[in-house]
Amino acid sequence: PQSAKAAEKLDRAARRIAEHSGDAKILDEKISEQLPPAL
């Protein structure tokens, strides 16, 4: 029943990660370098 607190947690997480969205990385560069060129 305390869904409001859960929403606040989600808001904080979204704001924290959104600060870095300008430099989005799906995979770490070291991992990406091990993938085939096409991937």
Full PDB file with SEQRES, HELIX, SHEET, SSBOND, CRYST1, ORIGX, SCALE, CONECT and MASTER records, all heavy atoms in Angstrom:
SEQRES   1 A   39  PRO GLN SER ALA LYS ALA ALA GLU LYS LEU ASP ARG ALA          
SEQRES   2 A   39  ALA ARG ARG ILE ALA GLU HIS SER GLY ASP ALA LYS ILE          
SEQRES   3 A   39  LEU ASP GLU LYS ILE SER GLU GLN LEU PRO PRO ALA LEU          
HELIX    1 AA1 SER A    3  ALA A   18  1                                  16    
HELIX    2 AA2 SER A   21  ASP A   23  5                                   3    
HELIX    3 AA3 GLU A   29  SER A   32  1                                   4    
CRYST1    1.000    1.000    1.000  90.00  90.00  90.00 P 1           1          
ORIGX1      1.000000  0.000000  0.000000        0.00000                         
ORIGX2      0.000000  1.000000  0.000000        0.00000                         
ORIGX3      0.000000  0.000000  1.000000        0.00000                         
SCALE1      1.000000  0.000000  0.000000        0.00000                         
SCALE2      0.000000  1.000000  0.000000        0.00000                         
SCALE3      0.000000  0.000000  1.000000        0.00000                         
ATOM      1  N   PRO A   1       0.805  -1.215   0.000  1.00  0.00           N  
ATOM      2  CA  PRO A   1       0.000   0.000   0.000  1.00  0.00           C  
ATOM      3  C   PRO A   1       0.837   1.263   0.000  1.00  0.00           C  
ATOM      4  O   PRO A   1       0.323   2.341  -0.270  1.00  0.00           O  
ATOM      5  CB  PRO A   1      -0.807  -0.143   1.308  1.00  0.00           C  
ATOM      6  CG  PRO A   1      -0.022  -1.070   2.165  1.00  0.00           C  
ATOM      7  CD  PRO A   1       0.629  -2.024   1.216  1.00  0.00           C  
ATOM      8  N   GLN A   2       2.131   1.165   0.280  1.00  0.00           N  
ATOM      9  CA  GLN A   2       2.991   2.338   0.299  1.00  0.00           C  
ATOM     10  C   GLN A   2       3.583   2.585  -1.076  1.00  0.00           C  
ATOM     11  O   GLN A   2       4.790   2.717  -1.246  1.00  0.00           O  
ATOM     12  CB  GLN A   2       4.096   2.162   1.334  1.00  0.00           C  
ATOM     13  CG  GLN A   2       3.557   1.944   2.744  1.00  0.00           C  
ATOM     14  CD  GLN A   2       4.678   1.687   3.723  1.00  0.00           C  
ATOM     15  OE1 GLN A   2       5.800   1.403   3.324  1.00  0.00           O  
ATOM     16  NE2 GLN A   2       4.375   1.786   4.995  1.00  0.00           N  
ATOM     17  N   SER A   3       2.714   2.660  -2.088  1.00  0.00           N  
ATOM     18  CA  SER A   3       3.205   2.831  -3.453  1.00  0.00           C  
ATOM     19  C   SER A   3       3.818   4.205  -3.671  1.00  0.00           C  
ATOM     20  O   SER A   3       4.643   4.390  -4.568  1.00  0.00           O  
ATOM     21  CB  SER A   3       2.061   2.613  -4.440  1.00  0.00           C  
ATOM     22  OG  SER A   3       1.001   3.498  -4.158  1.00  0.00           O  
ATOM     23  N   ALA A   4       3.432   5.197  -2.876  1.00  0.00           N  
ATOM     24  CA  ALA A   4       3.990   6.535  -3.039  1.00  0.00           C  
ATOM     25  C   ALA A   4       5.489   6.532  -2.749  1.00  0.00           C  
ATOM     26  O   ALA A   4       6.277   7.163  -3.460  1.00  0.00           O  
ATOM     27  CB  ALA A   4       3.277   7.516  -2.114  1.00  0.00           C  
ATOM     28  N   LYS A   5       5.892   5.805  -1.699  1.00  0.00           N  
ATOM     29  CA  LYS A   5       7.322   5.720  -1.391  1.00  0.00           C  
ATOM     30  C   LYS A   5       8.085   5.023  -2.506  1.00  0.00           C  
ATOM     31  O   LYS A   5       9.202   5.401  -2.838  1.00  0.00           O  
ATOM     32  CB  LYS A   5       7.519   4.972  -0.067  1.00  0.00           C  
ATOM     33  CG  LYS A   5       6.992   5.731   1.145  1.00  0.00           C  
ATOM     34  CD  LYS A   5       7.299   4.971   2.423  1.00  0.00           C  
ATOM     35  CE  LYS A   5       6.806   5.735   3.650  1.00  0.00           C  
ATOM     36  NZ  LYS A   5       7.091   5.004   4.905  1.00  0.00           N  
ATOM     37  N   ALA A   6       7.451   3.985  -3.085  1.00  0.00           N  
ATOM     38  CA  ALA A   6       8.105   3.292  -4.200  1.00  0.00           C  
ATOM     39  C   ALA A   6       8.274   4.239  -5.371  1.00  0.00           C  
ATOM     40  O   ALA A   6       9.305   4.223  -6.057  1.00  0.00           O  
ATOM     41  CB  ALA A   6       7.267   2.078  -4.609  1.00  0.00           C  
ATOM     42  N   ALA A   7       7.274   5.068  -5.636  1.00  0.00           N  
ATOM     43  CA  ALA A   7       7.365   6.020  -6.735  1.00  0.00           C  
ATOM     44  C   ALA A   7       8.497   7.016  -6.497  1.00  0.00           C  
ATOM     45  O   ALA A   7       9.217   7.401  -7.432  1.00  0.00           O  
ATOM     46  CB  ALA A   7       6.040   6.757  -6.894  1.00  0.00           C  
ATOM     47  N   GLU A   8       8.675   7.429  -5.236  1.00  0.00           N  
ATOM     48  CA  GLU A   8       9.758   8.354  -4.931  1.00  0.00           C  
ATOM     49  C   GLU A   8      11.117   7.717  -5.197  1.00  0.00           C  
ATOM     50  O   GLU A   8      12.035   8.359  -5.717  1.00  0.00           O  
ATOM     51  CB  GLU A   8       9.654   8.778  -3.469  1.00  0.00           C  
ATOM     52  CG  GLU A   8       8.444   9.682  -3.175  1.00  0.00           C  
ATOM     53  CD  GLU A   8       8.344  10.022  -1.692  1.00  0.00           C  
ATOM     54  OE1 GLU A   8       9.285   9.652  -0.955  1.00  0.00           O  
ATOM     55  OE2 GLU A   8       7.345  10.633  -1.295  1.00  0.00           O  
ATOM     56  N   LYS A   9      11.263   6.442  -4.824  1.00  0.00           N  
ATOM     57  CA  LYS A   9      12.525   5.743  -5.110  1.00  0.00           C  
ATOM     58  C   LYS A   9      12.801   5.702  -6.598  1.00  0.00           C  
ATOM     59  O   LYS A   9      13.925   5.910  -7.049  1.00  0.00           O  
ATOM     60  CB  LYS A   9      12.462   4.311  -4.556  1.00  0.00           C  
ATOM     61  CG  LYS A   9      12.453   4.212  -3.042  1.00  0.00           C  
ATOM     62  CD  LYS A   9      12.433   2.754  -2.612  1.00  0.00           C  
ATOM     63  CE  LYS A   9      12.407   2.614  -1.102  1.00  0.00           C  
ATOM     64  NZ  LYS A   9      12.385   1.183  -0.684  1.00  0.00           N  
ATOM     65  N   LEU A  10      11.747   5.426  -7.372  1.00  0.00           N  
ATOM     66  CA  LEU A  10      11.910   5.345  -8.810  1.00  0.00           C  
ATOM     67  C   LEU A  10      12.264   6.702  -9.391  1.00  0.00           C  
ATOM     68  O   LEU A  10      13.073   6.806 -10.316  1.00  0.00           O  
ATOM     69  CB  LEU A  10      10.614   4.812  -9.427  1.00  0.00           C  
ATOM     70  CG  LEU A  10      10.730   4.027 -10.729  1.00  0.00           C  
ATOM     71  CD1 LEU A  10      11.750   2.920 -10.587  1.00  0.00           C  
ATOM     72  CD2 LEU A  10       9.386   3.437 -11.103  1.00  0.00           C  
ATOM     73  N   ASP A  11      11.675   7.760  -8.835  1.00  0.00           N  
ATOM     74  CA  ASP A  11      11.992   9.113  -9.283  1.00  0.00           C  
ATOM     75  C   ASP A  11      13.459   9.435  -9.041  1.00  0.00           C  
ATOM     76  O   ASP A  11      14.147   9.980  -9.912  1.00  0.00           O  
ATOM     77  CB  ASP A  11      11.114  10.126  -8.537  1.00  0.00           C  
ATOM     78  CG  ASP A  11       9.834  10.429  -9.290  1.00  0.00           C  
ATOM     79  OD1 ASP A  11       9.825  10.249 -10.511  1.00  0.00           O  
ATOM     80  OD2 ASP A  11       8.853  10.840  -8.630  1.00  0.00           O  
ATOM     81  N   ARG A  12      13.938   9.124  -7.856  1.00  0.00           N  
ATOM     82  CA  ARG A  12      15.336   9.419  -7.535  1.00  0.00           C  
ATOM     83  C   ARG A  12      16.285   8.660  -8.447  1.00  0.00           C  
ATOM     84  O   ARG A  12      17.294   9.202  -8.911  1.00  0.00           O  
ATOM     85  CB  ARG A  12      15.615   9.079  -6.070  1.00  0.00           C  
ATOM     86  CG  ARG A  12      14.948  10.028  -5.075  1.00  0.00           C  
ATOM     87  CD  ARG A  12      15.575   9.894  -3.694  1.00  0.00           C  
ATOM     88  NE  ARG A  12      15.377   8.562  -3.145  1.00  0.00           N  
ATOM     89  CZ  ARG A  12      14.332   8.221  -2.394  1.00  0.00           C  
ATOM     90  NH1 ARG A  12      13.390   9.127  -2.115  1.00  0.00           N  
ATOM     91  NH2 ARG A  12      14.214   6.998  -1.908  1.00  0.00           N  
ATOM     92  N   ALA A  13      15.951   7.383  -8.702  1.00  0.00           N  
ATOM     93  CA  ALA A  13      16.808   6.593  -9.598  1.00  0.00           C  
ATOM     94  C   ALA A  13      16.803   7.177 -10.994  1.00  0.00           C  
ATOM     95  O   ALA A  13      17.845   7.269 -11.649  1.00  0.00           O  
ATOM     96  CB  ALA A  13      16.330   5.143  -9.623  1.00  0.00           C  
ATOM     97  N   ALA A  14      15.631   7.579 -11.465  1.00  0.00           N  
ATOM     98  CA  ALA A  14      15.530   8.141 -12.812  1.00  0.00           C  
ATOM     99  C   ALA A  14      16.329   9.429 -12.926  1.00  0.00           C  
ATOM    100  O   ALA A  14      17.040   9.664 -13.910  1.00  0.00           O  
ATOM    101  CB  ALA A  14      14.067   8.390 -13.172  1.00  0.00           C  
ATOM    102  N   ARG A  15      16.232  10.305 -11.900  1.00  0.00           N  
ATOM    103  CA  ARG A  15      16.966  11.575 -11.953  1.00  0.00           C  
ATOM    104  C   ARG A  15      18.471  11.332 -11.899  1.00  0.00           C  
ATOM    105  O   ARG A  15      19.243  11.998 -12.600  1.00  0.00           O  
ATOM    106  CB  ARG A  15      16.530  12.463 -10.785  1.00  0.00           C  
ATOM    107  CG  ARG A  15      15.144  13.063 -10.957  1.00  0.00           C  
ATOM    108  CD  ARG A  15      14.936  14.225  -9.988  1.00  0.00           C  
ATOM    109  NE  ARG A  15      15.044  13.786  -8.593  1.00  0.00           N  
ATOM    110  CZ  ARG A  15      14.012  13.371  -7.873  1.00  0.00           C  
ATOM    111  NH1 ARG A  15      12.794  13.330  -8.404  1.00  0.00           N  
ATOM    112  NH2 ARG A  15      14.171  12.989  -6.612  1.00  0.00           N  
ATOM    113  N   ARG A  16      18.901  10.379 -11.070  1.00  0.00           N  
ATOM    114  CA  ARG A  16      20.327  10.114 -10.930  1.00  0.00           C  
ATOM    115  C   ARG A  16      20.947   9.619 -12.234  1.00  0.00           C  
ATOM    116  O   ARG A  16      22.019  10.054 -12.636  1.00  0.00           O  
ATOM    117  CB  ARG A  16      20.551   9.090  -9.816  1.00  0.00           C  
ATOM    118  CG  ARG A  16      22.025   8.855  -9.515  1.00  0.00           C  
ATOM    119  CD  ARG A  16      22.219   8.049  -8.244  1.00  0.00           C  
ATOM    120  NE  ARG A  16      21.691   6.697  -8.372  1.00  0.00           N  
ATOM    121  CZ  ARG A  16      20.598   6.268  -7.774  1.00  0.00           C  
ATOM    122  NH1 ARG A  16      19.870   7.089  -7.037  1.00  0.00           N  
ATOM    123  NH2 ARG A  16      20.199   5.021  -7.920  1.00  0.00           N  
ATOM    124  N   ILE A  17      20.225   8.703 -12.897  1.00  0.00           N  
ATOM    125  CA  ILE A  17      20.770   8.162 -14.135  1.00  0.00           C  
ATOM    126  C   ILE A  17      20.600   9.140 -15.288  1.00  0.00           C  
ATOM    127  O   ILE A  17      21.426   9.216 -16.198  1.00  0.00           O  
ATOM    128  CB  ILE A  17      20.090   6.818 -14.460  1.00  0.00           C  
ATOM    129  CG1 ILE A  17      20.337   5.847 -13.312  1.00  0.00           C  
ATOM    130  CG2 ILE A  17      20.636   6.217 -15.740  1.00  0.00           C  
ATOM    131  CD1 ILE A  17      21.795   5.634 -12.974  1.00  0.00           C  
ATOM    132  N   ALA A  18      19.508   9.936 -15.254  1.00  0.00           N  
ATOM    133  CA  ALA A  18      19.279  10.892 -16.334  1.00  0.00           C  
ATOM    134  C   ALA A  18      20.397  11.913 -16.415  1.00  0.00           C  
ATOM    135  O   ALA A  18      20.656  12.483 -17.478  1.00  0.00           O  
ATOM    136  CB  ALA A  18      17.935  11.589 -16.138  1.00  0.00           C  
ATOM    137  N   GLU A  19      21.088  12.181 -15.312  1.00  0.00           N  
ATOM    138  CA  GLU A  19      22.195  13.124 -15.334  1.00  0.00           C  
ATOM    139  C   GLU A  19      23.310  12.673 -16.272  1.00  0.00           C  
ATOM    140  O   GLU A  19      24.079  13.474 -16.785  1.00  0.00           O  
ATOM    141  CB  GLU A  19      22.750  13.286 -13.912  1.00  0.00           C  
ATOM    142  CG  GLU A  19      21.754  13.957 -12.956  1.00  0.00           C  
ATOM    143  CD  GLU A  19      22.278  13.975 -11.531  1.00  0.00           C  
ATOM    144  OE1 GLU A  19      23.399  13.426 -11.328  1.00  0.00           O  
ATOM    145  OE2 GLU A  19      21.593  14.511 -10.646  1.00  0.00           O  
ATOM    146  N   HIS A  20      23.395  11.364 -16.485  1.00  0.00           N  
ATOM    147  CA  HIS A  20      24.475  10.814 -17.324  1.00  0.00           C  
ATOM    148  C   HIS A  20      23.978  10.402 -18.702  1.00  0.00           C  
ATOM    149  O   HIS A  20      24.716   9.767 -19.447  1.00  0.00           O  
ATOM    150  CB  HIS A  20      25.105   9.595 -16.637  1.00  0.00           C  
ATOM    151  CG  HIS A  20      25.621   9.875 -15.263  1.00  0.00           C  
ATOM    152  ND1 HIS A  20      26.786  10.552 -15.020  1.00  0.00           N  
ATOM    153  CD2 HIS A  20      25.091   9.593 -14.035  1.00  0.00           C  
ATOM    154  CE1 HIS A  20      26.989  10.652 -13.709  1.00  0.00           C  
ATOM    155  NE2 HIS A  20      25.964  10.077 -13.093  1.00  0.00           N  
ATOM    156  N   SER A  21      22.715  10.721 -19.024  1.00  0.00           N  
ATOM    157  CA  SER A  21      22.149  10.216 -20.273  1.00  0.00           C  
ATOM    158  C   SER A  21      22.836  10.788 -21.493  1.00  0.00           C  
ATOM    159  O   SER A  21      22.734  10.244 -22.585  1.00  0.00           O  
ATOM    160  CB  SER A  21      20.644  10.519 -20.326  1.00  0.00           C  
ATOM    161  OG  SER A  21      20.428  11.923 -20.261  1.00  0.00           O  
ATOM    162  N   GLY A  22      23.532  11.915 -21.334  1.00  0.00           N  
ATOM    163  CA  GLY A  22      24.229  12.481 -22.489  1.00  0.00           C  
ATOM    164  C   GLY A  22      25.420  11.648 -22.902  1.00  0.00           C  
ATOM    165  O   GLY A  22      25.957  11.839 -23.986  1.00  0.00           O  
ATOM    166  N   ASP A  23      25.872  10.760 -22.055  1.00  0.00           N  
ATOM    167  CA  ASP A  23      27.021   9.911 -22.389  1.00  0.00           C  
ATOM    168  C   ASP A  23      26.629   8.453 -22.201  1.00  0.00           C  
ATOM    169  O   ASP A  23      27.289   7.679 -21.516  1.00  0.00           O  
ATOM    170  CB  ASP A  23      28.199  10.281 -21.490  1.00  0.00           C  
ATOM    171  CG  ASP A  23      29.486   9.589 -21.928  1.00  0.00           C  
ATOM    172  OD1 ASP A  23      29.595   9.275 -23.128  1.00  0.00           O  
ATOM    173  OD2 ASP A  23      30.358   9.375 -21.070  1.00  0.00           O  
ATOM    174  N   ALA A  24      25.501   8.070 -22.815  1.00  0.00           N  
ATOM    175  CA  ALA A  24      24.941   6.736 -22.614  1.00  0.00           C  
ATOM    176  C   ALA A  24      25.852   5.658 -23.158  1.00  0.00           C  
ATOM    177  O   ALA A  24      26.405   5.786 -24.249  1.00  0.00           O  
ATOM    178  CB  ALA A  24      23.580   6.648 -23.292  1.00  0.00           C  
ATOM    179  N   LYS A  25      26.010   4.608 -22.376  1.00  0.00           N  
ATOM    180  CA  LYS A  25      26.801   3.459 -22.782  1.00  0.00           C  
ATOM    181  C   LYS A  25      25.993   2.203 -22.521  1.00  0.00           C  
ATOM    182  O   LYS A  25      25.531   1.966 -21.397  1.00  0.00           O  
ATOM    183  CB  LYS A  25      28.116   3.390 -21.991  1.00  0.00           C  
ATOM    184  CG  LYS A  25      29.088   4.519 -22.285  1.00  0.00           C  
ATOM    185  CD  LYS A  25      29.681   4.400 -23.680  1.00  0.00           C  
ATOM    186  CE  LYS A  25      30.722   5.494 -23.912  1.00  0.00           C  
ATOM    187  NZ  LYS A  25      31.271   5.414 -25.293  1.00  0.00           N  
ATOM    188  N   ILE A  26      25.802   1.394 -23.562  1.00  0.00           N  
ATOM    189  CA  ILE A  26      25.082   0.132 -23.401  1.00  0.00           C  
ATOM    190  C   ILE A  26      26.003  -0.936 -22.843  1.00  0.00           C  
ATOM    191  O   ILE A  26      25.626  -1.709 -21.971  1.00  0.00           O  
ATOM    192  CB  ILE A  26      24.486  -0.308 -24.755  1.00  0.00           C  
ATOM    193  CG1 ILE A  26      23.427   0.709 -25.198  1.00  0.00           C  
ATOM    194  CG2 ILE A  26      23.875  -1.702 -24.653  1.00  0.00           C  
ATOM    195  CD1 ILE A  26      22.836   0.409 -26.555  1.00  0.00           C  
ATOM    196  N   LEU A  27      27.240  -0.961 -23.344  1.00  0.00           N  
ATOM    197  CA  LEU A  27      28.230  -1.914 -22.867  1.00  0.00           C  
ATOM    198  C   LEU A  27      29.516  -1.184 -22.531  1.00  0.00           C  
ATOM    199  O   LEU A  27      29.840  -0.139 -23.127  1.00  0.00           O  
ATOM    200  CB  LEU A  27      28.514  -2.978 -23.938  1.00  0.00           C  
ATOM    201  CG  LEU A  27      27.410  -4.005 -24.222  1.00  0.00           C  
ATOM    202  CD1 LEU A  27      27.825  -4.891 -25.391  1.00  0.00           C  
ATOM    203  CD2 LEU A  27      27.115  -4.846 -22.999  1.00  0.00           C  
ATOM    204  N   ASP A  28      30.244  -1.712 -21.584  1.00  0.00           N  
ATOM    205  CA  ASP A  28      31.556  -1.169 -21.276  1.00  0.00           C  
ATOM    206  C   ASP A  28      32.469  -1.314 -22.492  1.00  0.00           C  
ATOM    207  O   ASP A  28      32.374  -2.279 -23.250  1.00  0.00           O  
ATOM    208  CB  ASP A  28      32.143  -1.906 -20.069  1.00  0.00           C  
ATOM    209  CG  ASP A  28      33.451  -1.292 -19.606  1.00  0.00           C  
ATOM    210  OD1 ASP A  28      33.407  -0.349 -18.810  1.00  0.00           O  
ATOM    211  OD2 ASP A  28      34.503  -1.794 -20.051  1.00  0.00           O  
ATOM    212  N   GLU A  29      33.357  -0.332 -22.670  1.00  0.00           N  
ATOM    213  CA  GLU A  29      34.220  -0.330 -23.855  1.00  0.00           C  
ATOM    214  C   GLU A  29      35.095  -1.584 -23.913  1.00  0.00           C  
ATOM    215  O   GLU A  29      35.345  -2.123 -24.999  1.00  0.00           O  
ATOM    216  CB  GLU A  29      35.099   0.917 -23.856  1.00  0.00           C  
ATOM    217  CG  GLU A  29      34.317   2.207 -24.075  1.00  0.00           C  
ATOM    218  CD  GLU A  29      35.224   3.418 -24.141  1.00  0.00           C  
ATOM    219  OE1 GLU A  29      36.467   3.233 -24.020  1.00  0.00           O  
ATOM    220  OE2 GLU A  29      34.714   4.535 -24.312  1.00  0.00           O  
ATOM    221  N   LYS A  30      35.543  -2.072 -22.765  1.00  0.00           N  
ATOM    222  CA  LYS A  30      36.388  -3.268 -22.763  1.00  0.00           C  
ATOM    223  C   LYS A  30      35.616  -4.489 -23.247  1.00  0.00           C  
ATOM    224  O   LYS A  30      36.171  -5.355 -23.924  1.00  0.00           O  
ATOM    225  CB  LYS A  30      36.932  -3.521 -21.357  1.00  0.00           C  
ATOM    226  CG  LYS A  30      37.899  -2.438 -20.874  1.00  0.00           C  
ATOM    227  CD  LYS A  30      38.428  -2.762 -19.486  1.00  0.00           C  
ATOM    228  CE  LYS A  30      39.405  -1.700 -19.009  1.00  0.00           C  
ATOM    229  NZ  LYS A  30      39.927  -1.990 -17.636  1.00  0.00           N  
ATOM    230  N   ILE A  31      34.307  -4.529 -22.900  1.00  0.00           N  
ATOM    231  CA  ILE A  31      33.481  -5.639 -23.370  1.00  0.00           C  
ATOM    232  C   ILE A  31      33.175  -5.468 -24.853  1.00  0.00           C  
ATOM    233  O   ILE A  31      33.222  -6.431 -25.629  1.00  0.00           O  
ATOM    234  CB  ILE A  31      32.171  -5.708 -22.553  1.00  0.00           C  
ATOM    235  CG1 ILE A  31      32.483  -5.967 -21.080  1.00  0.00           C  
ATOM    236  CG2 ILE A  31      31.251  -6.788 -23.110  1.00  0.00           C  
ATOM    237  CD1 ILE A  31      31.263  -5.992 -20.195  1.00  0.00           C  
ATOM    238  N   SER A  32      32.894  -4.249 -25.275  1.00  0.00           N  
ATOM    239  CA  SER A  32      32.567  -3.985 -26.682  1.00  0.00           C  
ATOM    240  C   SER A  32      33.719  -4.358 -27.599  1.00  0.00           C  
ATOM    241  O   SER A  32      33.511  -4.842 -28.713  1.00  0.00           O  
ATOM    242  CB  SER A  32      32.195  -2.516 -26.876  1.00  0.00           C  
ATOM    243  OG  SER A  32      31.045  -2.184 -26.130  1.00  0.00           O  
ATOM    244  N   GLU A  33      34.947  -4.131 -27.135  1.00  0.00           N  
ATOM    245  CA  GLU A  33      36.115  -4.428 -27.967  1.00  0.00           C  
ATOM    246  C   GLU A  33      36.269  -5.912 -28.250  1.00  0.00           C  
ATOM    247  O   GLU A  33      36.931  -6.295 -29.221  1.00  0.00           O  
ATOM    248  CB  GLU A  33      37.371  -3.892 -27.284  1.00  0.00           C  
ATOM    249  CG  GLU A  33      37.436  -2.365 -27.235  1.00  0.00           C  
ATOM    250  CD  GLU A  33      38.620  -1.881 -26.421  1.00  0.00           C  
ATOM    251  OE1 GLU A  33      39.330  -2.742 -25.838  1.00  0.00           O  
ATOM    252  OE2 GLU A  33      38.831  -0.657 -26.351  1.00  0.00           O  
ATOM    253  N   GLN A  34      35.669  -6.759 -27.419  1.00  0.00           N  
ATOM    254  CA  GLN A  34      35.777  -8.197 -27.618  1.00  0.00           C  
ATOM    255  C   GLN A  34      34.717  -8.736 -28.583  1.00  0.00           C  
ATOM    256  O   GLN A  34      34.766  -9.909 -28.961  1.00  0.00           O  
ATOM    257  CB  GLN A  34      35.621  -8.928 -26.264  1.00  0.00           C  
ATOM    258  CG  GLN A  34      36.572  -8.423 -25.194  1.00  0.00           C  
ATOM    259  CD  GLN A  34      38.031  -8.597 -25.572  1.00  0.00           C  
ATOM    260  OE1 GLN A  34      38.403  -9.625 -26.162  1.00  0.00           O  
ATOM    261  NE2 GLN A  34      38.862  -7.605 -25.260  1.00  0.00           N  
ATOM    262  N   LEU A  35      33.771  -7.891 -28.992  1.00  0.00           N  
ATOM    263  CA  LEU A  35      32.689  -8.329 -29.868  1.00  0.00           C  
ATOM    264  C   LEU A  35      33.126  -8.307 -31.321  1.00  0.00           C  
ATOM    265  O   LEU A  35      34.083  -7.605 -31.690  1.00  0.00           O  
ATOM    266  CB  LEU A  35      31.471  -7.414 -29.684  1.00  0.00           C  
ATOM    267  CG  LEU A  35      30.861  -7.350 -28.283  1.00  0.00           C  
ATOM    268  CD1 LEU A  35      29.739  -6.325 -28.241  1.00  0.00           C  
ATOM    269  CD2 LEU A  35      30.343  -8.724 -27.860  1.00  0.00           C  
ATOM    270  N   PRO A  36      32.446  -9.060 -32.181  1.00  0.00           N  
ATOM    271  CA  PRO A  36      32.725  -8.994 -33.623  1.00  0.00           C  
ATOM    272  C   PRO A  36      32.487  -7.569 -34.140  1.00  0.00           C  
ATOM    273  O   PRO A  36      31.662  -6.826 -33.587  1.00  0.00           O  
ATOM    274  CB  PRO A  36      31.715  -9.985 -34.227  1.00  0.00           C  
ATOM    275  CG  PRO A  36      31.351 -10.897 -33.100  1.00  0.00           C  
ATOM    276  CD  PRO A  36      31.422 -10.072 -31.863  1.00  0.00           C  
ATOM    277  N   PRO A  37      33.180  -7.177 -35.211  1.00  0.00           N  
ATOM    278  CA  PRO A  37      33.041  -5.804 -35.730  1.00  0.00           C  
ATOM    279  C   PRO A  37      31.601  -5.402 -36.044  1.00  0.00           C  
ATOM    280  O   PRO A  37      31.199  -4.268 -35.763  1.00  0.00           O  
ATOM    281  CB  PRO A  37      33.899  -5.831 -37.002  1.00  0.00           C  
ATOM    282  CG  PRO A  37      34.896  -6.906 -36.754  1.00  0.00           C  
ATOM    283  CD  PRO A  37      34.196  -7.939 -35.943  1.00  0.00           C  
ATOM    284  N   ALA A  38      30.824  -6.330 -36.617  1.00  0.00           N  
ATOM    285  CA  ALA A  38      29.446  -5.992 -36.975  1.00  0.00           C  
ATOM    286  C   ALA A  38      28.626  -5.665 -35.727  1.00  0.00           C  
ATOM    287  O   ALA A  38      27.829  -4.715 -35.719  1.00  0.00           O  
ATOM    288  CB  ALA A  38      28.802  -7.149 -37.732  1.00  0.00           C  
ATOM    289  N   LEU A  39      28.834  -6.434 -34.651  1.00  0.00           N  
ATOM    290  CA  LEU A  39      28.091  -6.183 -33.423  1.00  0.00           C  
ATOM    291  C   LEU A  39      28.591  -4.910 -32.734  1.00  0.00           C  
ATOM    292  O   LEU A  39      27.801  -4.172 -32.118  1.00  0.00           O  
ATOM    293  CB  LEU A  39      28.233  -7.378 -32.483  1.00  0.00           C  
ATOM    294  CG  LEU A  39      27.328  -7.386 -31.242  1.00  0.00           C  
ATOM    295  CD1 LEU A  39      25.866  -7.205 -31.640  1.00  0.00           C  
ATOM    296  CD2 LEU A  39      27.502  -8.682 -30.464  1.00  0.00           C  
TER     297      LEU A  39                                                      
MASTER        0    0    0    3    0    0    0    6  296    1    0    3          
END                                                                             
